[in-house]
Protein backbone atom coordinates (compact mmCIF):
# COMPACT_ATOMS: atom_id res chain seq x y z
CA MET A 1 -11.99 58.32 -38.43
CA LEU A 2 -14.71 55.90 -39.97
CA ILE A 3 -11.73 54.22 -42.25
CA ASP A 4 -10.58 52.42 -39.15
CA TYR A 5 -13.49 50.44 -39.19
CA LEU A 6 -13.39 49.29 -42.83
CA PRO A 7 -11.59 45.92 -41.81
CA ILE A 8 -14.75 44.75 -39.58
CA LEU A 9 -17.21 45.97 -42.17
CA THR A 10 -15.27 43.84 -45.01
CA LEU A 11 -14.97 40.99 -42.53
CA PHE A 12 -18.73 41.09 -41.42
CA LEU A 13 -19.78 41.47 -45.43
CA VAL A 14 -17.33 38.31 -46.10
CA ALA A 15 -18.65 36.23 -43.42
CA MET A 16 -22.44 36.99 -44.36
CA PHE A 17 -21.74 36.11 -48.10
CA ILE A 18 -20.08 32.67 -47.17
CA ALA A 19 -23.04 32.07 -44.82
CA VAL A 20 -25.46 32.73 -47.53
CA PHE A 21 -23.38 31.09 -50.08
CA VAL A 22 -23.37 27.84 -48.02
CA ILE A 23 -27.10 27.87 -47.27
CA VAL A 24 -28.09 28.53 -50.96
CA LEU A 25 -25.57 25.84 -52.30
CA SER A 26 -26.41 23.20 -49.90
CA ARG A 27 -30.07 23.86 -50.79
CA TYR A 28 -29.35 22.98 -54.32
CA LEU A 29 -26.56 20.47 -54.31
CA GLY A 30 -27.94 18.39 -51.04
CA PRO A 31 -29.83 15.29 -51.47
CA GLN A 32 -33.73 16.04 -51.26
CA ARG A 33 -35.69 12.57 -50.85
CA PRO A 34 -38.52 13.64 -48.59
CA ASN A 35 -40.84 10.91 -47.30
CA ARG A 36 -43.59 10.60 -45.15
CA ARG A 37 -41.37 9.43 -42.15
CA LYS A 38 -38.73 12.00 -42.55
CA LEU A 39 -41.57 14.87 -42.79
CA MET A 40 -42.63 13.98 -39.43
CA PRO A 41 -41.94 16.56 -36.42
CA TYR A 42 -39.17 14.73 -34.81
CA GLU A 43 -37.59 12.40 -37.67
CA SER A 44 -36.88 9.52 -35.45
CA GLY A 45 -39.76 7.28 -36.84
CA MET A 46 -41.37 7.35 -34.07
CA GLU A 47 -45.20 8.97 -33.60
CA PRO A 48 -45.07 11.93 -31.19
CA ILE A 49 -46.79 11.48 -27.78
CA GLY A 50 -48.27 14.24 -26.37
CA PRO A 51 -48.10 18.12 -26.90
CA ALA A 52 -45.01 19.48 -28.74
CA GLN A 53 -44.85 22.54 -26.26
CA ARG A 54 -44.16 21.66 -22.35
CA ARG A 55 -44.35 23.91 -19.69
CA PHE A 56 -40.92 24.04 -17.97
CA PRO A 57 -40.51 24.64 -13.99
CA ILE A 58 -39.54 28.15 -13.13
CA LYS A 59 -36.49 26.78 -11.26
CA PHE A 60 -34.92 26.23 -15.20
CA ASN A 61 -35.31 30.27 -15.51
CA LEU A 62 -34.07 31.00 -11.94
CA VAL A 63 -30.68 28.78 -12.33
CA ALA A 64 -30.11 30.43 -15.85
CA MET A 65 -30.57 33.99 -14.07
CA LEU A 66 -28.19 32.78 -11.34
CA PHE A 67 -25.65 31.72 -13.79
CA ILE A 68 -25.57 35.00 -15.56
CA LEU A 69 -25.63 36.96 -12.35
CA PHE A 70 -22.40 35.52 -11.15
CA ASP A 71 -20.77 35.11 -14.57
CA ILE A 72 -21.35 38.88 -15.48
CA GLU A 73 -19.80 39.65 -11.96
CA ILE A 74 -16.70 37.60 -12.34
CA ILE A 75 -15.98 38.90 -15.90
CA PHE A 76 -16.31 42.65 -14.27
CA LEU A 77 -14.29 41.83 -11.38
CA PHE A 78 -10.96 40.74 -13.12
CA PRO A 79 -10.71 44.07 -15.11
CA TYR A 80 -11.18 45.88 -12.07
CA ALA A 81 -8.92 44.06 -9.83
CA LEU A 82 -6.25 45.10 -12.30
CA VAL A 83 -6.66 48.70 -12.16
CA TYR A 84 -8.14 49.77 -9.05
CA ARG A 85 -5.61 51.96 -7.57
CA GLN A 86 -5.90 54.28 -10.65
CA LEU A 87 -9.43 54.69 -10.45
CA GLY A 88 -9.46 56.09 -7.00
CA VAL A 89 -12.54 56.67 -5.43
CA PRO A 90 -15.07 57.39 -8.76
CA GLY A 91 -14.16 53.58 -9.85
CA LEU A 92 -14.78 52.33 -6.08
CA ALA A 93 -18.32 53.92 -6.19
CA VAL A 94 -18.95 52.49 -9.47
CA MET A 95 -18.02 49.11 -8.35
CA GLY A 96 -20.21 49.52 -5.29
CA VAL A 97 -23.04 50.35 -7.47
CA PHE A 98 -22.13 47.09 -9.17
CA PHE A 99 -22.04 45.21 -6.02
CA VAL A 100 -25.57 46.54 -5.06
CA VAL A 101 -27.18 45.64 -8.09
CA LEU A 102 -25.65 42.13 -7.70
CA VAL A 103 -26.79 41.63 -4.15
CA ILE A 104 -30.63 42.71 -5.16
CA GLY A 105 -30.23 40.04 -7.78
CA LEU A 106 -28.92 37.45 -5.46
CA VAL A 107 -31.74 38.60 -2.53
CA TYR A 108 -34.15 38.18 -5.62
CA GLU A 109 -33.00 34.40 -6.41
CA TRP A 110 -32.82 33.70 -2.45
CA ARG A 111 -36.39 34.91 -2.06
CA ARG A 112 -37.49 33.21 -5.04
CA GLY A 113 -36.41 29.75 -4.09
CA ALA A 114 -33.40 29.29 -6.75
CA LEU A 115 -30.87 28.22 -3.82
CA ARG A 116 -32.69 25.67 -2.27
CA TRP A 117 -32.19 21.95 -4.06
CA GLU A 118 -34.99 19.64 -3.46
């Protein structure tokens, strides 16, 4: 049974080997001419102004949650739409629970003000 997973394991090991090999190879073969300007935080030659860490408004997080919420909804709706007749009532119940979770997420986003654009 586990022999069926051997090609996946082989592919994973080959990918890891290639990644490590390229990183090590670039470290030894790449140009290394560090100077004061290149070692600055932004490498643009400009002196950094202000703190390096800034606070982002919560709106970015809310928009990201909206995207994930509805992106996952669409991903799960397509396969269900193809086989909904074969699933019967249990499949309908599972999709009902799924929609309840989505509606809870939407209500949360609505209450937090993510749907208001200013």
